[in-house]
Protein backbone atom coordinates (compact mmCIF):
# COMPACT_ATOMS: atom_id res chain seq x y z
CA MET A 1 116.11 17.44 -9.98
CA PHE A 2 113.02 19.65 -9.71
CA ASN A 3 111.07 17.56 -12.22
CA ASN A 4 108.12 17.14 -9.88
CA TYR A 5 106.89 20.73 -10.06
CA LYS A 6 107.07 20.50 -13.86
CA ASN A 7 104.57 17.67 -13.65
CA ASN A 8 102.10 19.96 -11.88
CA ARG A 9 103.12 18.46 -8.56
CA CYS A 10 104.14 20.75 -5.73
CA TYR A 11 107.81 20.33 -4.82
CA ILE A 12 108.21 20.21 -1.03
CA VAL A 13 111.49 21.15 0.63
CA ALA A 14 112.49 20.52 4.24
CA GLU A 15 114.94 23.23 5.28
CA ILE A 16 117.28 21.88 7.99
CA GLY A 17 120.02 24.52 7.74
CA GLY A 18 120.74 26.06 11.11
CA ASN A 19 118.96 23.24 12.92
CA PHE A 20 121.99 20.96 13.32
CA ILE A 21 125.69 21.29 14.05
CA ASN A 22 126.90 17.70 13.66
CA PHE A 23 126.28 14.67 11.47
CA GLU A 24 124.23 12.71 14.00
CA GLN A 25 121.77 15.57 14.37
CA ALA A 26 121.59 15.93 10.59
CA LYS A 27 120.92 12.20 10.10
CA ILE A 28 117.98 12.34 12.49
CA LEU A 29 116.51 15.26 10.54
CA VAL A 30 117.07 13.63 7.14
CA ASP A 31 115.54 10.34 8.28
CA ALA A 32 112.50 12.15 9.63
CA ALA A 33 112.17 14.26 6.47
CA LYS A 34 112.25 11.11 4.36
CA GLU A 35 109.48 9.57 6.48
CA CYS A 36 107.39 12.72 5.95
CA GLY A 37 107.53 12.30 2.17
CA VAL A 38 109.28 15.55 1.20
CA ASP A 39 111.04 15.88 -2.15
CA ALA A 40 114.22 17.57 -0.97
CA VAL A 41 116.30 18.53 2.05
CA LYS A 42 118.04 21.90 2.00
CA LEU A 43 120.99 23.24 3.96
CA GLN A 44 122.39 26.71 4.54
CA THR A 45 125.99 27.37 3.53
CA TYR A 46 127.70 30.30 5.21
CA VAL A 47 130.80 31.34 7.07
CA ALA A 48 130.41 33.97 9.74
CA ASP A 49 133.37 35.97 8.43
CA THR A 50 131.84 36.31 4.95
CA VAL A 51 128.13 36.62 5.76
CA ALA A 52 128.03 39.33 8.43
CA SER A 53 130.21 42.01 9.91
CA LYS A 54 130.75 42.00 13.65
CA LYS A 55 128.53 45.07 13.85
CA ALA A 56 125.46 43.34 12.34
CA MET A 57 122.68 42.68 14.83
CA PHE A 58 119.55 40.56 14.81
CA ASP A 59 116.39 42.10 16.26
CA MET A 60 113.66 39.55 15.57
CA GLU A 61 111.09 37.71 17.62
CA ASN A 62 112.96 34.42 17.40
CA THR A 63 116.37 35.86 18.27
CA GLY A 64 115.87 38.98 20.32
CA MET A 65 118.71 41.48 20.08
CA MET A 66 121.94 39.64 19.40
CA SER A 67 125.04 39.58 17.25
CA GLN A 68 124.51 38.09 13.80
CA TYR A 69 128.19 37.23 13.58
CA ASP A 70 128.09 35.24 16.82
CA LEU A 71 125.00 33.29 15.77
CA PHE A 72 126.41 32.44 12.35
CA ARG A 73 129.71 31.43 13.91
CA LYS A 74 127.87 29.01 16.18
CA PHE A 75 125.89 27.27 13.43
CA GLN A 76 128.25 27.38 10.43
CA ILE A 77 129.23 23.95 9.13
CA ASP A 78 132.38 23.04 7.24
CA LYS A 79 132.85 21.38 3.86
CA SER A 80 133.37 17.94 5.36
CA LEU A 81 130.04 18.02 7.20
CA HIS A 82 128.30 19.35 4.09
CA LYS A 83 129.58 16.36 2.13
CA GLN A 84 128.57 13.87 4.82
CA VAL A 85 125.07 15.26 4.96
CA PHE A 86 124.66 15.56 1.19
CA ASP A 87 125.87 11.97 0.73
CA TYR A 88 123.42 10.76 3.34
CA ILE A 89 120.52 12.63 1.73
CA ASP A 90 121.53 10.97 -1.54
CA GLU A 91 121.38 7.56 0.13
CA LYS A 92 117.83 8.35 1.21
CA GLY A 93 116.80 9.11 -2.36
CA LEU A 94 116.01 12.77 -1.78
CA ASP A 95 117.15 15.85 -3.67
CA TRP A 96 119.53 18.19 -1.88
CA PHE A 97 120.82 21.70 -2.36
CA SER A 98 121.79 24.69 -0.26
CA THR A 99 121.67 28.43 0.21
CA PRO A 100 125.10 30.03 -0.29
CA SER A 101 125.76 33.48 1.16
CA HIS A 102 129.02 34.37 -0.58
CA TRP A 103 130.79 33.53 -3.81
CA THR A 104 133.22 31.31 -1.87
CA ASP A 105 130.22 29.28 -0.66
CA VAL A 106 129.17 28.82 -4.27
CA GLN A 107 132.61 27.53 -5.17
CA MET A 108 132.54 25.03 -2.33
CA LEU A 109 129.07 23.81 -3.25
CA ASN A 110 130.10 23.47 -6.88
CA GLY A 111 132.94 21.25 -5.74
CA LEU A 112 130.43 19.04 -3.91
CA GLY A 113 128.27 18.68 -7.02
CA VAL A 114 125.29 20.74 -5.89
CA ALA A 115 122.52 20.65 -8.49
CA ALA A 116 120.78 23.94 -7.65
CA TYR A 117 121.05 27.05 -5.54
CA LYS A 118 118.55 28.69 -3.24
CA ILE A 119 119.09 32.42 -2.80
CA GLY A 120 117.88 33.66 0.56
CA SER A 121 115.86 36.83 0.87
CA ASP A 122 118.89 38.58 2.38
CA ASP A 123 120.51 38.36 -1.05
CA GLY A 124 117.32 38.96 -3.01
CA VAL A 125 118.60 42.31 -4.29
CA ASN A 126 122.32 41.47 -4.19
CA ILE A 127 122.72 41.98 -7.92
CA PRO A 128 126.42 41.05 -8.26
CA PHE A 129 125.85 37.85 -6.28
CA LEU A 130 122.71 36.95 -8.21
CA LYS A 131 124.62 37.34 -11.46
CA TYR A 132 127.49 35.18 -10.19
CA VAL A 133 125.17 32.39 -9.03
CA ALA A 134 123.13 32.46 -12.23
CA GLU A 135 126.30 32.19 -14.30
CA GLN A 136 126.89 28.75 -12.79
CA GLY A 137 124.13 27.58 -15.13
CA LYS A 138 122.20 25.68 -12.45
CA PRO A 139 118.60 26.17 -11.29
CA VAL A 140 118.16 29.19 -9.04
CA ILE A 141 115.42 29.40 -6.44
CA LEU A 142 115.08 33.04 -5.45
CA ALA A 143 113.35 34.02 -2.21
CA THR A 144 111.81 37.49 -2.37
CA GLY A 145 111.24 38.43 1.27
CA MET A 146 111.53 42.18 1.95
CA CYS A 147 111.30 42.91 -1.81
CA THR A 148 109.04 45.22 -3.76
CA MET A 149 107.76 43.98 -7.11
CA GLN A 150 110.15 46.38 -8.84
CA GLU A 151 113.08 44.84 -6.96
CA VAL A 152 111.91 41.35 -7.89
CA GLU A 153 111.76 42.41 -11.52
CA GLU A 154 115.32 43.75 -11.38
CA SER A 155 116.60 40.54 -9.81
CA VAL A 156 114.73 38.36 -12.29
CA ASN A 157 116.11 40.35 -15.22
CA THR A 158 119.62 40.06 -13.78
CA ILE A 159 119.38 36.29 -13.60
CA LEU A 160 117.77 35.92 -17.03
CA SER A 161 120.37 38.23 -18.60
CA THR A 162 123.02 35.56 -17.94
CA GLY A 163 121.18 33.16 -20.23
CA ASN A 164 120.05 31.07 -17.26
CA ASP A 165 116.29 30.65 -17.39
CA LYS A 166 116.12 27.87 -14.81
CA LEU A 167 114.53 30.17 -12.24
CA ILE A 168 111.94 29.66 -9.52
CA LEU A 169 110.60 32.52 -7.39
CA LEU A 170 109.47 32.13 -3.80
CA HIS A 171 107.20 34.54 -2.02
CA ALA A 172 108.54 34.94 1.51
CA VAL A 173 108.20 37.20 4.51
CA THR A 174 111.43 37.79 6.41
CA SER A 175 109.87 37.80 9.84
CA TYR A 176 110.72 34.94 12.17
CA PRO A 177 108.07 33.82 12.89
CA THR A 178 105.67 35.28 10.33
CA HIS A 179 102.23 35.94 11.78
CA PRO A 180 99.03 35.42 9.75
CA GLU A 181 98.35 39.09 9.10
CA ASP A 182 101.73 39.42 7.35
CA VAL A 183 101.66 36.27 5.19
CA ASN A 184 99.99 37.95 2.17
CA LEU A 185 99.71 34.89 -0.06
CA ARG A 186 98.07 36.99 -2.75
CA ALA A 187 101.49 38.58 -3.32
CA MET A 188 102.56 35.14 -4.53
CA VAL A 189 99.70 35.23 -7.03
CA SER A 190 100.77 38.72 -8.10
CA MET A 191 104.21 37.34 -8.91
CA MET A 192 102.64 34.53 -10.90
CA ASN A 193 100.82 37.14 -12.97
CA ALA A 194 103.87 39.38 -13.30
CA PHE A 195 106.18 36.54 -14.38
CA PRO A 196 103.92 34.05 -16.20
CA GLY A 197 106.78 31.94 -17.53
CA ILE A 198 108.46 31.45 -14.15
CA PRO A 199 107.31 28.95 -11.49
CA VAL A 200 106.40 30.61 -8.20
CA GLY A 201 106.27 29.07 -4.74
CA TYR A 202 106.29 29.98 -1.08
CA SER A 203 108.92 29.89 1.66
CA ASP A 204 107.04 29.53 4.93
CA HIS A 205 108.14 31.00 8.27
CA THR A 206 104.79 30.74 10.05
CA PHE A 207 103.79 28.52 12.94
CA GLY A 208 101.82 25.45 11.91
CA ILE A 209 100.75 24.07 8.54
CA THR A 210 97.99 26.37 7.32
CA ALA A 211 100.04 28.83 5.26
CA ALA A 212 101.96 26.12 3.42
CA VAL A 213 98.85 24.15 2.52
CA CYS A 214 96.95 27.28 1.48
CA ALA A 215 99.86 28.41 -0.67
CA ALA A 216 99.84 25.08 -2.50
CA ALA A 217 96.09 25.39 -3.04
CA MET A 218 96.67 28.87 -4.48
CA GLY A 219 99.11 27.52 -7.03
CA ALA A 220 102.54 27.40 -5.35
CA ARG A 221 104.82 25.09 -7.31
CA VAL A 222 107.38 24.85 -4.50
CA ILE A 223 106.88 24.87 -0.74
CA GLU A 224 109.84 25.35 1.56
CA LYS A 225 109.46 24.91 5.31
CA HIS A 226 112.03 24.84 8.11
CA PHE A 227 112.18 21.40 9.70
CA THR A 228 113.11 20.19 13.18
CA CYS A 229 112.61 17.24 15.45
CA ASP A 230 112.55 19.43 18.57
CA LYS A 231 110.95 22.87 18.56
CA LYS A 232 112.68 23.66 21.86
CA ALA A 233 116.20 22.82 20.67
CA ASP A 234 118.97 25.40 20.73
CA GLY A 235 118.81 27.66 17.68
CA PRO A 236 116.54 30.43 16.43
CA ASP A 237 114.73 28.49 13.70
CA HIS A 238 113.51 25.51 15.72
CA MET A 239 110.54 27.39 17.17
CA LEU A 240 109.10 28.21 13.74
CA SER A 241 110.05 24.93 12.09
CA ALA A 242 107.62 22.13 11.32
CA ASP A 243 108.16 19.05 13.42
CA PRO A 244 107.70 15.60 11.82
CA SER A 245 103.99 15.41 12.57
CA GLU A 246 103.41 18.84 11.03
CA MET A 247 105.59 18.20 8.00
CA LYS A 248 103.84 14.90 7.35
CA GLU A 249 100.52 16.72 7.58
CA ILE A 250 101.72 19.38 5.12
CA VAL A 251 102.84 16.75 2.63
CA ASP A 252 99.69 14.66 3.02
CA ARG A 253 97.30 17.62 2.73
CA ILE A 254 99.10 18.99 -0.35
CA ARG A 255 99.11 15.59 -2.04
CA GLU A 256 95.43 15.18 -1.18
CA PHE A 257 94.70 18.60 -2.67
CA GLU A 258 96.56 17.67 -5.86
CA VAL A 259 94.26 14.67 -6.29
CA MET A 260 91.19 16.77 -5.52
CA ARG A 261 92.23 19.50 -7.96
CA GLY A 262 91.46 17.25 -10.91
CA ASN A 263 91.77 18.23 -14.56
CA GLY A 264 89.33 21.14 -14.60
CA ILE A 265 86.91 19.55 -17.07
CA LYS A 266 83.34 19.94 -15.81
CA ARG A 267 81.80 16.53 -16.34
CA PRO A 268 80.23 13.80 -14.22
CA ALA A 269 82.81 11.97 -12.14
CA ASP A 270 83.21 8.25 -12.76
CA SER A 271 81.72 7.66 -9.32
CA GLU A 272 78.56 9.55 -10.38
CA ARG A 273 77.61 7.17 -13.17
CA THR A 274 75.13 5.28 -11.03
CA THR A 275 73.95 8.20 -8.90
CA ARG A 276 73.43 10.27 -12.05
CA ILE A 277 70.65 7.80 -12.88
CA ASN A 278 69.34 6.96 -9.43
CA ASN A 279 69.45 10.41 -7.84
CA ARG A 280 68.24 12.56 -10.68
CA LYS A 281 64.52 12.95 -11.33
CA SER A 282 62.16 12.23 -14.18
CA ILE A 283 58.45 12.49 -14.96
CA VAL A 284 56.47 9.98 -12.93
CA ILE A 285 52.79 9.03 -13.07
CA ASN A 286 51.04 10.60 -10.09
CA LYS A 287 47.53 9.30 -10.81
CA PRO A 288 46.43 6.25 -12.81
CA ILE A 289 45.70 6.94 -16.48
CA LYS A 290 44.07 4.72 -19.12
CA ALA A 291 45.41 3.94 -22.57
CA GLY A 292 44.33 6.62 -25.04
CA ASP A 293 43.73 9.27 -22.38
CA ALA A 294 45.50 12.63 -22.59
CA ILE A 295 47.99 13.59 -19.92
CA THR A 296 47.08 16.50 -17.68
CA LYS A 297 49.01 18.08 -14.81
CA LYS A 298 47.06 15.97 -12.31
CA HIS A 299 48.45 12.79 -13.88
CA ILE A 300 52.17 13.53 -13.50
CA ASP A 301 54.80 14.72 -11.05
CA ILE A 302 58.60 14.94 -10.94
CA LYS A 303 60.38 12.38 -8.76
CA ARG A 304 63.42 10.16 -8.57
CA PRO A 305 64.89 8.15 -10.30
CA GLY A 306 66.14 9.77 -13.48
CA THR A 307 65.47 6.82 -15.76
CA GLY A 308 62.42 8.29 -17.50
CA ILE A 309 61.54 11.41 -19.46
CA TYR A 310 63.58 14.37 -18.17
CA PRO A 311 61.73 17.13 -16.26
CA ARG A 312 62.68 19.65 -18.96
CA TYR A 313 59.98 18.05 -21.17
CA PHE A 314 57.18 18.44 -18.61
CA ASP A 315 55.22 21.04 -20.54
CA GLN A 316 55.77 19.28 -23.87
CA ILE A 317 54.05 16.06 -22.82
CA LEU A 318 50.94 17.75 -21.46
CA GLY A 319 48.05 16.79 -23.76
CA ARG A 320 49.90 13.81 -25.20
CA LYS A 321 47.98 10.51 -25.11
CA VAL A 322 49.39 7.41 -23.48
CA SER A 323 49.73 4.11 -25.34
CA LYS A 324 48.90 1.88 -22.38
CA ASP A 325 47.44 1.89 -18.91
CA LEU A 326 49.83 3.51 -16.40
CA ASP A 327 49.65 3.33 -12.62
CA THR A 328 50.85 5.55 -9.77
CA ASP A 329 54.67 5.76 -9.55
CA ASP A 330 55.17 4.33 -13.04
CA ILE A 331 58.10 6.13 -14.63
CA LEU A 332 56.95 7.74 -17.86
CA MET A 333 58.98 6.72 -20.93
CA TRP A 334 58.81 8.13 -24.44
CA GLU A 335 57.52 4.79 -25.71
CA ASP A 336 54.50 5.20 -23.39
CA LEU A 337 53.25 8.10 -25.53
CA LEU A 338 51.24 8.04 -28.75
């Protein structure tokens, strides 16, 4: 699991947690995610009674003012449904993992054989919880929404202090949806510089595909995006989720970028071998000249193709005598000179 990002390939996660409440809905999402070409499907693991008090309120664009407890109660899924969905994702050949919100969630996920944990931004500074999750010895993907760099450093040190160095950081903005002026992708780059040994990615809550693709182009090793098949479905995350056409576009554009990125060596491309000759220029006879005559500026010009003497030698051949008669548009070669 998570080998792709180690191979300099962006690891793309479709987040379906909160966007289904039964197995049939989950199957539709997993099938669509597979068709889009993502690497992994992620769930959210929570129980209303352990994630929020009855006094906690949401006040976000996607929810309005409402009880957090009531929303979590509506979309929580039990262990049996977790297993069904995880097994189905396995059948589809995709990676799977989840975001626990309490130590009891971690225990349940351990029992289901989860291979990694995503820590949501709400627990980004929950030091006791971070320590407990890290002690499981599995990869930890830590979202850093709402965090200062100092808070990120404290959380990173907490995780590393357990001896678990299988850590990935995600830049995130905990606004649902996140609007362009708040995305701040350069903060992701700042984390890359601050933690050079730790892969950094981006958890996207914007509308559309631009932020995710730009993040990958700026070096994100992991991209996480909420995923739905119906942006108008019941639930707060559907509106900001990518639908199949958008997710496919994200995957395709990122994979295209990875090809375009190349190896960084400045050299002629294989496809330029012929054009390097045909489309470059060389010194060409501009006016007929007889054998034994000396070349003057009136006799030569610089034109395509690049099969003759390179233009850099223009001044050096002035005054040189030619070994044979040359006509207009003849390409001057070194063997033509005495």
